[in-house]
């Protein structure tokens, strides 16, 4: 019985300790325009290894990202967003990806 009382907390600690540290980041995405932009970024970030959650706020133009810092970092996330055609913090949008965006997702495209 004492062995079980010792093993259970030890195993629990090991299981919890195996996961990487989760980091919350806010990425400025000033070029997002519409719900399609929101969907594109959120779906695109699901493909980035280590990203566990993302949410784009169209009003504030901030993308909140939760990720495992052992699997990815903010720079990789910014590059992924850039590769989708959007600016991420100081990382400019990839021009080829931007050109491929629907009209509504381009700056001034909603007018």
PDB file of N, CA and C in Angstrom:
ATOM      1  N   UNK A   1       0.824  -1.196   0.000  1.00  0.00           N
ATOM      2  CA  UNK A   1       0.000   0.000   0.000  1.00  0.00           C
ATOM      3  C   UNK A   1       0.866   1.257   0.000  1.00  0.00           C
ATOM      4  N   UNK A   2       1.942   1.228   0.817  1.00  0.00           N
ATOM      5  CA  UNK A   2       2.826   2.394   0.846  1.00  0.00           C
ATOM      6  C   UNK A   2       3.486   2.605  -0.510  1.00  0.00           C
ATOM      7  N   UNK A   3       3.787   1.506  -1.184  1.00  0.00           N
ATOM      8  CA  UNK A   3       4.401   1.601  -2.502  1.00  0.00           C
ATOM      9  C   UNK A   3       3.466   2.317  -3.475  1.00  0.00           C
ATOM     10  N   UNK A   4       2.184   2.003  -3.413  1.00  0.00           N
ATOM     11  CA  UNK A   4       1.198   2.655  -4.277  1.00  0.00           C
ATOM     12  C   UNK A   4       1.100   4.136  -3.940  1.00  0.00           C
ATOM     13  N   UNK A   5       1.142   4.483  -2.663  1.00  0.00           N
ATOM     14  CA  UNK A   5       1.068   5.882  -2.251  1.00  0.00           C
ATOM     15  C   UNK A   5       2.278   6.664  -2.744  1.00  0.00           C
ATOM     16  N   UNK A   6       3.386   6.001  -2.922  1.00  0.00           N
ATOM     17  CA  UNK A   6       4.588   6.666  -3.426  1.00  0.00           C
ATOM     18  C   UNK A   6       4.569   6.705  -4.951  1.00  0.00           C
ATOM     19  N   UNK A   7       4.156   5.612  -5.578  1.00  0.00           N
ATOM     20  CA  UNK A   7       4.185   5.516  -7.034  1.00  0.00           C
ATOM     21  C   UNK A   7       3.191   6.441  -7.731  1.00  0.00           C
ATOM     22  N   UNK A   8       1.992   6.549  -7.222  1.00  0.00           N
ATOM     23  CA  UNK A   8       0.969   7.360  -7.890  1.00  0.00           C
ATOM     24  C   UNK A   8       1.409   8.818  -8.030  1.00  0.00           C
ATOM     25  N   UNK A   9       1.838   9.501  -6.966  1.00  0.00           N
ATOM     26  CA  UNK A   9       2.291  10.888  -7.157  1.00  0.00           C
ATOM     27  C   UNK A   9       3.521  10.989  -8.063  1.00  0.00           C
ATOM     28  N   UNK A  10       4.407  10.002  -7.994  1.00  0.00           N
ATOM     29  CA  UNK A  10       5.602  10.025  -8.829  1.00  0.00           C
ATOM     30  C   UNK A  10       5.233   9.899 -10.306  1.00  0.00           C
ATOM     31  N   UNK A  11       4.373   8.953 -10.628  1.00  0.00           N
ATOM     32  CA  UNK A  11       3.938   8.768 -12.014  1.00  0.00           C
ATOM     33  C   UNK A  11       3.195  10.007 -12.497  1.00  0.00           C
ATOM     34  N   UNK A  12       2.330  10.559 -11.675  1.00  0.00           N
ATOM     35  CA  UNK A  12       1.584  11.761 -12.042  1.00  0.00           C
ATOM     36  C   UNK A  12       2.540  12.910 -12.349  1.00  0.00           C
ATOM     37  N   UNK A  13       3.548  13.093 -11.524  1.00  0.00           N
ATOM     38  CA  UNK A  13       4.537  14.149 -11.735  1.00  0.00           C
ATOM     39  C   UNK A  13       5.294  13.929 -13.039  1.00  0.00           C
ATOM     40  N   UNK A  14       5.665  12.705 -13.330  1.00  0.00           N
ATOM     41  CA  UNK A  14       6.382  12.409 -14.567  1.00  0.00           C
ATOM     42  C   UNK A  14       5.526  12.677 -15.795  1.00  0.00           C
ATOM     43  N   UNK A  15       4.270  12.296 -15.738  1.00  0.00           N
ATOM     44  CA  UNK A  15       3.375  12.515 -16.873  1.00  0.00           C
ATOM     45  C   UNK A  15       3.182  14.003 -17.108  1.00  0.00           C
ATOM     46  N   UNK A  16       2.941  14.759 -16.058  1.00  0.00           N
ATOM     47  CA  UNK A  16       2.760  16.203 -16.183  1.00  0.00           C
ATOM     48  C   UNK A  16       4.050  16.855 -16.662  1.00  0.00           C
ATOM     49  N   UNK A  17       5.167  16.420 -16.158  1.00  0.00           N
ATOM     50  CA  UNK A  17       6.454  17.009 -16.507  1.00  0.00           C
ATOM     51  C   UNK A  17       6.889  16.736 -17.928  1.00  0.00           C
ATOM     52  N   UNK A  18       6.308  15.741 -18.590  1.00  0.00           N
ATOM     53  CA  UNK A  18       6.708  15.395 -19.952  1.00  0.00           C
ATOM     54  C   UNK A  18       6.218  16.411 -20.979  1.00  0.00           C
ATOM     55  N   UNK A  19       5.146  17.107 -20.693  1.00  0.00           N
ATOM     56  CA  UNK A  19       4.629  18.093 -21.627  1.00  0.00           C
ATOM     57  C   UNK A  19       5.504  19.333 -21.629  1.00  0.00           C
ATOM     58  N   UNK A  20       5.611  19.974 -22.782  1.00  0.00           N
ATOM     59  CA  UNK A  20       6.403  21.191 -22.870  1.00  0.00           C
ATOM     60  C   UNK A  20       5.687  22.359 -22.236  1.00  0.00           C
ATOM     61  N   UNK A  21       6.442  23.395 -21.978  1.00  0.00           N
ATOM     62  CA  UNK A  21       5.859  24.594 -21.373  1.00  0.00           C
ATOM     63  C   UNK A  21       5.021  25.340 -22.403  1.00  0.00           C
ATOM     64  N   UNK A  22       3.774  25.626 -22.041  1.00  0.00           N
ATOM     65  CA  UNK A  22       2.868  26.356 -22.920  1.00  0.00           C
ATOM     66  C   UNK A  22       3.112  27.855 -22.774  1.00  0.00           C
ATOM     67  N   UNK A  23       3.202  28.523 -23.902  1.00  0.00           N
ATOM     68  CA  UNK A  23       3.444  29.962 -23.933  1.00  0.00           C
ATOM     69  C   UNK A  23       2.249  30.622 -24.607  1.00  0.00           C
ATOM     70  N   UNK A  24       1.795  31.733 -24.039  1.00  0.00           N
ATOM     71  CA  UNK A  24       0.744  32.549 -24.644  1.00  0.00           C
ATOM     72  C   UNK A  24       1.407  33.743 -25.312  1.00  0.00           C
ATOM     73  N   UNK A  25       1.064  33.979 -26.569  1.00  0.00           N
ATOM     74  CA  UNK A  25       1.640  35.117 -27.287  1.00  0.00           C
ATOM     75  C   UNK A  25       0.534  35.878 -28.004  1.00  0.00           C
ATOM     76  N   UNK A  26       0.723  37.173 -28.113  1.00  0.00           N
ATOM     77  CA  UNK A  26      -0.185  38.024 -28.878  1.00  0.00           C
ATOM     78  C   UNK A  26       0.595  38.545 -30.080  1.00  0.00           C
ATOM     79  N   UNK A  27       0.111  38.223 -31.262  1.00  0.00           N
ATOM     80  CA  UNK A  27       0.780  38.617 -32.499  1.00  0.00           C
ATOM     81  C   UNK A  27      -0.048  39.705 -33.170  1.00  0.00           C
ATOM     82  N   UNK A  28       0.587  40.828 -33.458  1.00  0.00           N
ATOM     83  CA  UNK A  28      -0.083  41.911 -34.160  1.00  0.00           C
ATOM     84  C   UNK A  28      -0.229  41.500 -35.627  1.00  0.00           C
ATOM     85  N   UNK A  29      -1.465  41.401 -36.096  1.00  0.00           N
ATOM     86  CA  UNK A  29      -1.739  41.034 -37.486  1.00  0.00           C
ATOM     87  C   UNK A  29      -2.553  42.163 -38.131  1.00  0.00           C
ATOM     88  N   UNK A  30      -1.877  43.284 -38.436  1.00  0.00           N
ATOM     89  CA  UNK A  30      -2.584  44.490 -38.865  1.00  0.00           C
ATOM     90  C   UNK A  30      -3.231  44.412 -40.243  1.00  0.00           C
ATOM     91  N   UNK A  31      -2.862  43.432 -41.055  1.00  0.00           N
ATOM     92  CA  UNK A  31      -3.401  43.383 -42.414  1.00  0.00           C
ATOM     93  C   UNK A  31      -4.640  42.504 -42.561  1.00  0.00           C
ATOM     94  N   UNK A  32      -5.129  41.911 -41.460  1.00  0.00           N
ATOM     95  CA  UNK A  32      -6.346  41.097 -41.583  1.00  0.00           C
ATOM     96  C   UNK A  32      -7.537  42.007 -41.858  1.00  0.00           C
ATOM     97  N   UNK A  33      -8.457  41.508 -42.680  1.00  0.00           N
ATOM     98  CA  UNK A  33      -9.575  42.327 -43.129  1.00  0.00           C
ATOM     99  C   UNK A  33     -10.952  41.755 -42.804  1.00  0.00           C
ATOM    100  N   UNK A  34     -11.064  40.415 -42.780  1.00  0.00           N
ATOM    101  CA  UNK A  34     -12.408  39.831 -42.711  1.00  0.00           C
ATOM    102  C   UNK A  34     -12.387  38.450 -42.059  1.00  0.00           C
ATOM    103  N   UNK A  35     -13.546  37.844 -42.006  1.00  0.00           N
ATOM    104  CA  UNK A  35     -13.677  36.516 -41.425  1.00  0.00           C
ATOM    105  C   UNK A  35     -12.889  35.454 -42.171  1.00  0.00           C
ATOM    106  N   UNK A  36     -12.722  35.636 -43.470  1.00  0.00           N
ATOM    107  CA  UNK A  36     -11.939  34.676 -44.239  1.00  0.00           C
ATOM    108  C   UNK A  36     -10.468  34.748 -43.819  1.00  0.00           C
ATOM    109  N   UNK A  37      -9.978  35.955 -43.548  1.00  0.00           N
ATOM    110  CA  UNK A  37      -8.603  36.115 -43.043  1.00  0.00           C
ATOM    111  C   UNK A  37      -8.464  35.365 -41.720  1.00  0.00           C
ATOM    112  N   UNK A  38      -9.443  35.563 -40.866  1.00  0.00           N
ATOM    113  CA  UNK A  38      -9.456  34.909 -39.555  1.00  0.00           C
ATOM    114  C   UNK A  38      -9.373  33.396 -39.715  1.00  0.00           C
ATOM    115  N   UNK A  39     -10.201  32.848 -40.572  1.00  0.00           N
ATOM    116  CA  UNK A  39     -10.235  31.401 -40.789  1.00  0.00           C
ATOM    117  C   UNK A  39      -8.913  30.910 -41.381  1.00  0.00           C
ATOM    118  N   UNK A  40      -8.367  31.651 -42.338  1.00  0.00           N
ATOM    119  CA  UNK A  40      -7.109  31.257 -42.983  1.00  0.00           C
ATOM    120  C   UNK A  40      -5.982  31.174 -41.972  1.00  0.00           C
ATOM    121  N   UNK A  41      -5.874  32.178 -41.108  1.00  0.00           N
ATOM    122  CA  UNK A  41      -4.795  32.193 -40.118  1.00  0.00           C
ATOM    123  C   UNK A  41      -4.998  31.088 -39.085  1.00  0.00           C
ATOM    124  N   UNK A  42      -6.202  30.971 -38.553  1.00  0.00           N
ATOM    125  CA  UNK A  42      -6.448  29.943 -37.535  1.00  0.00           C
ATOM    126  C   UNK A  42      -6.217  28.534 -38.088  1.00  0.00           C
ATOM    127  N   UNK A  43      -6.666  28.276 -39.308  1.00  0.00           N
ATOM    128  CA  UNK A  43      -6.454  26.955 -39.921  1.00  0.00           C
ATOM    129  C   UNK A  43      -4.975  26.743 -40.246  1.00  0.00           C
ATOM    130  N   UNK A  44      -4.319  27.789 -40.710  1.00  0.00           N
ATOM    131  CA  UNK A  44      -2.899  27.681 -41.042  1.00  0.00           C
ATOM    132  C   UNK A  44      -2.041  27.409 -39.826  1.00  0.00           C
ATOM    133  N   UNK A  45      -2.370  28.034 -38.699  1.00  0.00           N
ATOM    134  CA  UNK A  45      -1.583  27.832 -37.482  1.00  0.00           C
ATOM    135  C   UNK A  45      -1.799  26.448 -36.888  1.00  0.00           C
ATOM    136  N   UNK A  46      -2.913  25.799 -37.210  1.00  0.00           N
ATOM    137  CA  UNK A  46      -3.128  24.419 -36.744  1.00  0.00           C
ATOM    138  C   UNK A  46      -2.074  23.478 -37.323  1.00  0.00           C
ATOM    139  N   UNK A  47      -1.500  23.856 -38.451  1.00  0.00           N
ATOM    140  CA  UNK A  47      -0.505  23.019 -39.125  1.00  0.00           C
ATOM    141  C   UNK A  47       0.904  23.221 -38.577  1.00  0.00           C
ATOM    142  N   UNK A  48       1.089  24.233 -37.726  1.00  0.00           N
ATOM    143  CA  UNK A  48       2.407  24.506 -37.151  1.00  0.00           C
ATOM    144  C   UNK A  48       2.604  23.598 -35.944  1.00  0.00           C
ATOM    145  N   UNK A  49       3.620  22.770 -35.999  1.00  0.00           N
ATOM    146  CA  UNK A  49       3.913  21.850 -34.896  1.00  0.00           C
ATOM    147  C   UNK A  49       4.137  22.633 -33.608  1.00  0.00           C
ATOM    148  N   UNK A  50       3.422  22.259 -32.566  1.00  0.00           N
ATOM    149  CA  UNK A  50       3.573  22.914 -31.271  1.00  0.00           C
ATOM    150  C   UNK A  50       2.503  23.935 -30.959  1.00  0.00           C
ATOM    151  N   UNK A  51       1.793  24.424 -31.974  1.00  0.00           N
ATOM    152  CA  UNK A  51       0.704  25.376 -31.731  1.00  0.00           C
ATOM    153  C   UNK A  51      -0.506  24.583 -31.260  1.00  0.00           C
ATOM    154  N   UNK A  52      -0.999  24.932 -30.074  1.00  0.00           N
ATOM    155  CA  UNK A  52      -2.139  24.207 -29.515  1.00  0.00           C
ATOM    156  C   UNK A  52      -3.455  24.970 -29.659  1.00  0.00           C
ATOM    157  N   UNK A  53      -3.381  26.282 -29.843  1.00  0.00           N
ATOM    158  CA  UNK A  53      -4.600  27.082 -29.987  1.00  0.00           C
ATOM    159  C   UNK A  53      -4.244  28.423 -30.612  1.00  0.00           C
ATOM    160  N   UNK A  54      -5.163  28.943 -31.425  1.00  0.00           N
ATOM    161  CA  UNK A  54      -5.013  30.305 -31.941  1.00  0.00           C
ATOM    162  C   UNK A  54      -6.393  30.916 -32.095  1.00  0.00           C
ATOM    163  N   UNK A  55      -6.451  32.219 -31.920  1.00  0.00           N
ATOM    164  CA  UNK A  55      -7.708  32.948 -32.070  1.00  0.00           C
ATOM    165  C   UNK A  55      -7.399  34.336 -32.611  1.00  0.00           C
ATOM    166  N   UNK A  56      -8.038  34.668 -33.723  1.00  0.00           N
ATOM    167  CA  UNK A  56      -7.843  35.967 -34.362  1.00  0.00           C
ATOM    168  C   UNK A  56      -8.983  36.883 -33.942  1.00  0.00           C
ATOM    169  N   UNK A  57      -8.638  38.067 -33.450  1.00  0.00           N
ATOM    170  CA  UNK A  57      -9.633  39.074 -33.090  1.00  0.00           C
ATOM    171  C   UNK A  57      -9.653  40.112 -34.210  1.00  0.00           C
ATOM    172  N   UNK A  58     -10.736  40.132 -34.979  1.00  0.00           N
ATOM    173  CA  UNK A  58     -10.827  41.046 -36.119  1.00  0.00           C
ATOM    174  C   UNK A  58     -10.854  42.509 -35.705  1.00  0.00           C
ATOM    175  N   UNK A  59     -11.440  42.793 -34.552  1.00  0.00           N
ATOM    176  CA  UNK A  59     -11.539  44.174 -34.091  1.00  0.00           C
ATOM    177  C   UNK A  59     -10.185  44.757 -33.712  1.00  0.00           C
ATOM    178  N   UNK A  60      -9.442  44.017 -32.905  1.00  0.00           N
ATOM    179  CA  UNK A  60      -8.145  44.515 -32.426  1.00  0.00           C
ATOM    180  C   UNK A  60      -7.002  44.168 -33.377  1.00  0.00           C
ATOM    181  N   UNK A  61      -7.274  43.246 -34.307  1.00  0.00           N
ATOM    182  CA  UNK A  61      -6.259  42.751 -35.254  1.00  0.00           C
ATOM    183  C   UNK A  61      -5.084  42.101 -34.527  1.00  0.00           C
ATOM    184  N   UNK A  62      -5.429  41.398 -33.457  1.00  0.00           N
ATOM    185  CA  UNK A  62      -4.445  40.656 -32.661  1.00  0.00           C
ATOM    186  C   UNK A  62      -4.772  39.168 -32.777  1.00  0.00           C
ATOM    187  N   UNK A  63      -3.750  38.374 -33.016  1.00  0.00           N
ATOM    188  CA  UNK A  63      -3.904  36.922 -33.047  1.00  0.00           C
ATOM    189  C   UNK A  63      -3.257  36.361 -31.796  1.00  0.00           C
ATOM    190  N   UNK A  64      -4.057  35.722 -30.969  1.00  0.00           N
ATOM    191  CA  UNK A  64      -3.533  35.101 -29.751  1.00  0.00           C
ATOM    192  C   UNK A  64      -3.187  33.653 -30.066  1.00  0.00           C
ATOM    193  N   UNK A  65      -1.982  33.262 -29.662  1.00  0.00           N
ATOM    194  CA  UNK A  65      -1.485  31.925 -29.970  1.00  0.00           C
ATOM    195  C   UNK A  65      -0.964  31.275 -28.699  1.00  0.00           C
ATOM    196  N   UNK A  66      -1.318  30.018 -28.494  1.00  0.00           N
ATOM    197  CA  UNK A  66      -0.782  29.218 -27.395  1.00  0.00           C
ATOM    198  C   UNK A  66       0.060  28.130 -28.047  1.00  0.00           C
ATOM    199  N   UNK A  67       1.326  28.009 -27.592  1.00  0.00           N
ATOM    200  CA  UNK A  67       2.207  27.022 -28.206  1.00  0.00           C
ATOM    201  C   UNK A  67       3.172  26.420 -27.202  1.00  0.00           C
ATOM    202  N   UNK A  68       3.699  25.268 -27.573  1.00  0.00           N
ATOM    203  CA  UNK A  68       4.685  24.542 -26.780  1.00  0.00           C
ATOM    204  C   UNK A  68       6.054  25.077 -27.174  1.00  0.00           C
ATOM    205  N   UNK A  69       6.733  25.718 -26.239  1.00  0.00           N
ATOM    206  CA  UNK A  69       7.997  26.370 -26.578  1.00  0.00           C
ATOM    207  C   UNK A  69       9.117  25.388 -26.892  1.00  0.00           C
ATOM    208  N   UNK A  70       8.912  24.110 -26.589  1.00  0.00           N
ATOM    209  CA  UNK A  70       9.912  23.105 -26.950  1.00  0.00           C
ATOM    210  C   UNK A  70       9.764  22.668 -28.407  1.00  0.00           C
ATOM    211  N   UNK A  71       8.619  22.967 -29.023  1.00  0.00           N
ATOM    212  CA  UNK A  71       8.369  22.541 -30.400  1.00  0.00           C
ATOM    213  C   UNK A  71       8.408  23.678 -31.411  1.00  0.00           C
ATOM    214  N   UNK A  72       8.143  24.892 -30.966  1.00  0.00           N
ATOM    215  CA  UNK A  72       8.151  26.025 -31.886  1.00  0.00           C
ATOM    216  C   UNK A  72       8.459  27.294 -31.109  1.00  0.00           C
ATOM    217  N   UNK A  73       8.561  28.394 -31.827  1.00  0.00           N
ATOM    218  CA  UNK A  73       8.801  29.680 -31.172  1.00  0.00           C
ATOM    219  C   UNK A  73       8.053  30.775 -31.929  1.00  0.00           C
ATOM    220  N   UNK A  74       8.079  31.968 -31.375  1.00  0.00           N
ATOM    221  CA  UNK A  74       7.320  33.074 -31.954  1.00  0.00           C
ATOM    222  C   UNK A  74       7.779  33.392 -33.372  1.00  0.00           C
ATOM    223  N   UNK A  75       9.062  33.300 -33.630  1.00  0.00           N
ATOM    224  CA  UNK A  75       9.589  33.575 -34.966  1.00  0.00           C
ATOM    225  C   UNK A  75       8.990  32.631 -36.009  1.00  0.00           C
ATOM    226  N   UNK A  76       8.872  31.357 -35.686  1.00  0.00           N
ATOM    227  CA  UNK A  76       8.288  30.381 -36.618  1.00  0.00           C
ATOM    228  C   UNK A  76       6.808  30.662 -36.842  1.00  0.00           C
ATOM    229  N   UNK A  77       6.138  31.092 -35.797  1.00  0.00           N
ATOM    230  CA  UNK A  77       4.713  31.422 -35.912  1.00  0.00           C
ATOM    231  C   UNK A  77       4.535  32.646 -36.807  1.00  0.00           C
ATOM    232  N   UNK A  78       5.376  33.653 -36.603  1.00  0.00           N
ATOM    233  CA  UNK A  78       5.322  34.845 -37.454  1.00  0.00           C
ATOM    234  C   UNK A  78       5.585  34.483 -38.914  1.00  0.00           C
ATOM    235  N   UNK A  79       6.560  33.625 -39.164  1.00  0.00           N
ATOM    236  CA  UNK A  79       6.866  33.200 -40.537  1.00  0.00           C
ATOM    237  C   UNK A  79       5.698  32.427 -41.144  1.00  0.00           C
ATOM    238  N   UNK A  80       5.031  31.616 -40.330  1.00  0.00           N
ATOM    239  CA  UNK A  80       3.872  30.862 -40.825  1.00  0.00           C
ATOM    240  C   UNK A  80       2.751  31.814 -41.232  1.00  0.00           C
ATOM    241  N   UNK A  81       2.486  32.823 -40.416  1.00  0.00           N
ATOM    242  CA  UNK A  81       1.442  33.806 -40.738  1.00  0.00           C
ATOM    243  C   UNK A  81       1.835  34.584 -41.988  1.00  0.00           C
ATOM    244  N   UNK A  82       3.092  34.976 -42.080  1.00  0.00           N
ATOM    245  CA  UNK A  82       3.598  35.670 -43.264  1.00  0.00           C
ATOM    246  C   UNK A  82       3.409  34.813 -44.511  1.00  0.00           C
ATOM    247  N   UNK A  83       3.681  33.520 -44.382  1.00  0.00           N
ATOM    248  CA  UNK A  83       3.532  32.598 -45.501  1.00  0.00           C
ATOM    249  C   UNK A  83       2.093  32.423 -45.960  1.00  0.00           C
ATOM    250  N   UNK A  84       1.157  32.818 -45.105  1.00  0.00           N
ATOM    251  CA  UNK A  84      -0.263  32.776 -45.460  1.00  0.00           C
ATOM    252  C   UNK A  84      -0.699  34.055 -46.169  1.00  0.00           C
ATOM    253  N   UNK A  85       0.188  35.072 -46.165  1.00  0.00           N
ATOM    254  CA  UNK A  85      -0.118  36.326 -46.848  1.00  0.00           C
ATOM    255  C   UNK A  85      -0.429  37.495 -45.936  1.00  0.00           C
ATOM    256  N   UNK A  86      -0.132  37.363 -44.649  1.00  0.00           N
ATOM    257  CA  UNK A  86      -0.462  38.414 -43.684  1.00  0.00           C
ATOM    258  C   UNK A  86       0.775  38.871 -42.922  1.00  0.00           C
ATOM    259  N   UNK A  87       0.791  40.132 -42.542  1.00  0.00           N
ATOM    260  CA  UNK A  87       1.870  40.646 -41.701  1.00  0.00           C
ATOM    261  C   UNK A  87       1.681  40.110 -40.288  1.00  0.00           C
ATOM    262  N   UNK A  88       2.804  39.773 -39.644  1.00  0.00           N
ATOM    263  CA  UNK A  88       2.781  39.284 -38.264  1.00  0.00           C
ATOM    264  C   UNK A  88       3.855  40.024 -37.492  1.00  0.00           C
ATOM    265  N   UNK A  89       3.434  40.919 -36.597  1.00  0.00           N
ATOM    266  CA  UNK A  89       4.361  41.814 -35.899  1.00  0.00           C
ATOM    267  C   UNK A  89       5.178  42.553 -36.953  1.00  0.00           C
ATOM    268  N   UNK A  90       6.492  42.458 -36.910  1.00  0.00           N
ATOM    269  CA  UNK A  90       7.342  43.165 -37.875  1.00  0.00           C
ATOM    270  C   UNK A  90       7.656  42.315 -39.109  1.00  0.00           C
ATOM    271  N   UNK A  91       7.189  41.077 -39.128  1.00  0.00           N
ATOM    272  CA  UNK A  91       7.428  40.193 -40.271  1.00  0.00           C
ATOM    273  C   UNK A  91       6.386  40.493 -41.344  1.00  0.00           C
ATOM    274  N   UNK A  92       6.852  41.008 -42.468  1.00  0.00           N
ATOM    275  CA  UNK A  92       5.941  41.395 -43.542  1.00  0.00           C
ATOM    276  C   UNK A  92       5.328  40.173 -44.216  1.00  0.00           C
ATOM    277  N   UNK A  93       4.173  40.386 -44.810  1.00  0.00           N
ATOM    278  CA  UNK A  93       3.489  39.319 -45.537  1.00  0.00           C
ATOM    279  C   UNK A  93       4.318  38.885 -46.733  1.00  0.00           C
ATOM    280  N   UNK A  94       4.341  37.590 -46.983  1.00  0.00           N
ATOM    281  CA  UNK A  94       4.996  37.076 -48.184  1.00  0.00           C
ATOM    282  C   UNK A  94       4.238  37.637 -49.390  1.00  0.00           C
ATOM    283  N   UNK A  95       4.918  38.362 -50.298  1.00  0.00           N
ATOM    284  CA  UNK A  95       4.210  39.020 -51.401  1.00  0.00           C
ATOM    285  C   UNK A  95       3.488  38.051 -52.344  1.00  0.00           C
ATOM    286  N   UNK A  96       4.052  36.889 -52.577  1.00  0.00           N
ATOM    287  CA  UNK A  96       3.400  35.919 -53.466  1.00  0.00           C
ATOM    288  C   UNK A  96       2.134  35.370 -52.802  1.00  0.00           C
ATOM    289  N   UNK A  97       2.228  35.054 -51.510  1.00  0.00           N
ATOM    290  CA  UNK A  97       1.052  34.567 -50.779  1.00  0.00           C
ATOM    291  C   UNK A  97      -0.019  35.655 -50.716  1.00  0.00           C
ATOM    292  N   UNK A  98       0.401  36.906 -50.503  1.00  0.00           N
ATOM    293  CA  UNK A  98      -0.551  38.016 -50.441  1.00  0.00           C
ATOM    294  C   UNK A  98      -1.313  38.140 -51.758  1.00  0.00           C
ATOM    295  N   UNK A  99      -0.613  38.043 -52.875  1.00  0.00           N
ATOM    296  CA  UNK A  99      -1.266  38.161 -54.185  1.00  0.00           C
ATOM    297  C   UNK A  99      -2.296  37.059 -54.407  1.00  0.00           C
ATOM    298  N   UNK A 100      -2.084  35.909 -53.787  1.00  0.00           N
ATOM    299  CA  UNK A 100      -3.010  34.794 -53.938  1.00  0.00           C
ATOM    300  C   UNK A 100      -4.236  34.863 -53.039  1.00  0.00           C
ATOM    301  N   UNK A 101      -4.273  35.849 -52.137  1.00  0.00           N
ATOM    302  CA  UNK A 101      -5.424  35.984 -51.239  1.00  0.00           C
ATOM    303  C   UNK A 101      -6.659  36.431 -52.012  1.00  0.00           C
ATOM    304  N   UNK A 102      -7.846  36.062 -51.540  1.00  0.00           N
ATOM    305  CA  UNK A 102      -9.076  36.580 -52.149  1.00  0.00           C
ATOM    306  C   UNK A 102      -9.122  38.102 -52.001  1.00  0.00           C
ATOM    307  N   UNK A 103      -9.852  38.747 -52.870  1.00  0.00           N
ATOM    308  CA  UNK A 103      -9.936  40.216 -52.869  1.00  0.00           C
ATOM    309  C   UNK A 103     -10.345  40.771 -51.500  1.00  0.00           C
ATOM    310  N   UNK A 104     -11.282  40.091 -50.833  1.00  0.00           N
ATOM    311  CA  UNK A 104     -11.772  40.591 -49.546  1.00  0.00           C
ATOM    312  C   UNK A 104     -10.682  40.582 -48.474  1.00  0.00           C
ATOM    313  N   UNK A 105      -9.640  39.792 -48.669  1.00  0.00           N
ATOM    314  CA  UNK A 105      -8.566  39.685 -47.681  1.00  0.00           C
ATOM    315  C   UNK A 105      -7.420  40.662 -47.939  1.00  0.00           C
ATOM    316  N   UNK A 106      -7.510  41.405 -49.027  1.00  0.00           N
ATOM    317  CA  UNK A 106      -6.458  42.372 -49.347  1.00  0.00           C
ATOM    318  C   UNK A 106      -6.832  43.738 -48.788  1.00  0.00           C
ATOM    319  N   UNK A 107      -5.822  44.518 -48.469  1.00  0.00           N
ATOM    320  CA  UNK A 107      -6.054  45.854 -47.916  1.00  0.00           C
ATOM    321  C   UNK A 107      -6.878  46.663 -48.915  1.00  0.00           C
ATOM    322  N   UNK A 108      -7.996  47.193 -48.446  1.00  0.00           N
ATOM    323  CA  UNK A 108      -8.901  47.958 -49.292  1.00  0.00           C
ATOM    324  C   UNK A 108      -9.849  47.093 -50.103  1.00  0.00           C
ATOM    325  N   UNK A 109      -9.737  45.785 -49.999  1.00  0.00           N
ATOM    326  CA  UNK A 109     -10.556  44.875 -50.793  1.00  0.00           C
ATOM    327  C   UNK A 109     -12.010  44.810 -50.368  1.00  0.00           C
ATOM    328  N   UNK A 110     -12.290  45.230 -49.150  1.00  0.00           N
ATOM    329  CA  UNK A 110     -13.670  45.188 -48.649  1.00  0.00           C
ATOM    330  C   UNK A 110     -14.467  46.402 -49.119  1.00  0.00           C
ATOM    331  N   UNK A 111     -13.803  47.408 -49.655  1.00  0.00           N
ATOM    332  CA  UNK A 111     -14.492  48.641 -50.088  1.00  0.00           C
ATOM    333  C   UNK A 111     -15.037  48.524 -51.481  1.00  0.00           C
TER     334      UNK A 111
END
